Amino acid sequence: MPLYFFDIFDGTQLLRDEEGSDLPDLKAARDDAVALLPDLIKSRLPEDEHRRLVVTVRDESGAAILQASLSLDVTFIS
């Protein structure tokens, strides 16, 4: 099974995946990257009004092969 690495960037800090995950194919890696985003954004609620998280998937050679992102904007209305 191919090994995929999931690096996370929250706008200020890059968390590099050094262990990787064995997954059957690129579609499974895509699905995992997308599934990570909602939980990540909840755990990193913005202190300001905007937050964008990016998950970059790398293959075994270290090449970036896929990127998924999620943005959260908070607007106070009063």
Protein backbone atom coordinates (compact mmCIF):
# COMPACT_ATOMS: atom_id res chain seq x y z
CA MET A 1 0.00 0.00 0.00
CA PRO A 2 1.29 3.49 -0.79
CA LEU A 3 2.35 5.79 2.02
CA TYR A 4 0.83 9.29 2.15
CA PHE A 5 1.86 12.21 4.37
CA PHE A 6 -0.59 14.88 5.56
CA ASP A 7 0.99 18.27 6.29
CA ILE A 8 -1.21 20.88 7.97
CA PHE A 9 -0.81 24.66 7.62
CA ASP A 10 -3.01 26.94 9.73
CA GLY A 11 -1.83 30.26 8.35
CA THR A 12 1.05 30.61 10.78
CA GLN A 13 2.38 27.16 11.61
CA LEU A 14 3.24 24.17 9.42
CA LEU A 15 2.80 20.78 11.06
CA ARG A 16 4.71 18.29 8.94
CA ASP A 17 3.60 14.65 9.01
CA GLU A 18 6.72 12.54 9.55
CA GLU A 19 4.96 9.16 9.96
CA GLY A 20 2.54 8.97 7.05
CA SER A 21 -0.44 6.69 6.52
CA ASP A 22 -0.73 3.53 4.46
CA LEU A 23 -3.72 3.99 2.16
CA PRO A 24 -4.92 2.03 -0.86
CA ASP A 25 -4.87 4.90 -3.36
CA LEU A 26 -4.99 8.65 -4.02
CA LYS A 27 -8.78 8.75 -3.64
CA ALA A 28 -8.47 7.41 -0.09
CA ALA A 29 -5.79 10.04 0.63
CA ARG A 30 -8.10 12.73 -0.76
CA ASP A 31 -10.99 11.50 1.39
CA ASP A 32 -8.80 11.52 4.52
CA ALA A 33 -7.50 15.04 3.78
CA VAL A 34 -11.05 16.36 3.37
CA ALA A 35 -12.25 14.54 6.50
CA LEU A 36 -9.46 16.11 8.60
CA LEU A 37 -10.46 19.69 7.85
CA PRO A 38 -13.69 20.11 9.90
CA ASP A 39 -12.11 18.66 13.05
CA LEU A 40 -8.99 20.76 12.58
CA ILE A 41 -10.92 24.00 12.14
CA LYS A 42 -12.94 23.25 15.31
CA SER A 43 -9.78 22.67 17.32
CA ARG A 44 -8.20 25.85 15.97
CA LEU A 45 -11.05 28.32 16.19
CA PRO A 46 -9.86 31.72 15.03
CA GLU A 47 -8.99 34.43 17.48
CA ASP A 48 -9.53 36.85 14.65
CA GLU A 49 -12.34 36.80 12.08
CA HIS A 50 -10.73 34.55 9.50
CA ARG A 51 -9.03 31.17 9.50
CA ARG A 52 -7.89 29.07 6.55
CA LEU A 53 -6.51 25.58 7.02
CA VAL A 54 -4.66 23.72 4.30
CA VAL A 55 -3.83 20.02 4.20
CA THR A 56 -1.14 19.12 1.70
CA VAL A 57 -0.76 15.45 0.85
CA ARG A 58 2.69 14.18 -0.12
CA ASP A 59 3.57 10.84 -1.65
CA GLU A 60 6.39 8.52 -0.59
CA SER A 61 8.94 10.54 -2.57
CA GLY A 62 7.94 13.71 -0.69
CA ALA A 63 6.25 15.33 -3.69
CA ALA A 64 3.08 17.30 -2.97
CA ILE A 65 0.28 15.62 -4.91
CA LEU A 66 -2.93 17.06 -3.47
CA GLN A 67 -4.08 20.04 -1.45
CA ALA A 68 -7.39 20.55 0.36
CA SER A 69 -8.40 23.68 2.26
CA LEU A 70 -11.21 25.04 4.39
CA SER A 71 -11.90 28.65 5.33
CA LEU A 72 -13.90 30.01 8.23
CA ASP A 73 -15.02 33.63 8.40
CA VAL A 74 -16.70 35.14 11.45
CA THR A 75 -18.63 38.39 11.15
CA PHE A 76 -20.12 40.15 14.17
CA ILE A 77 -23.44 41.80 13.35
CA SER A 78 -24.81 44.38 15.70
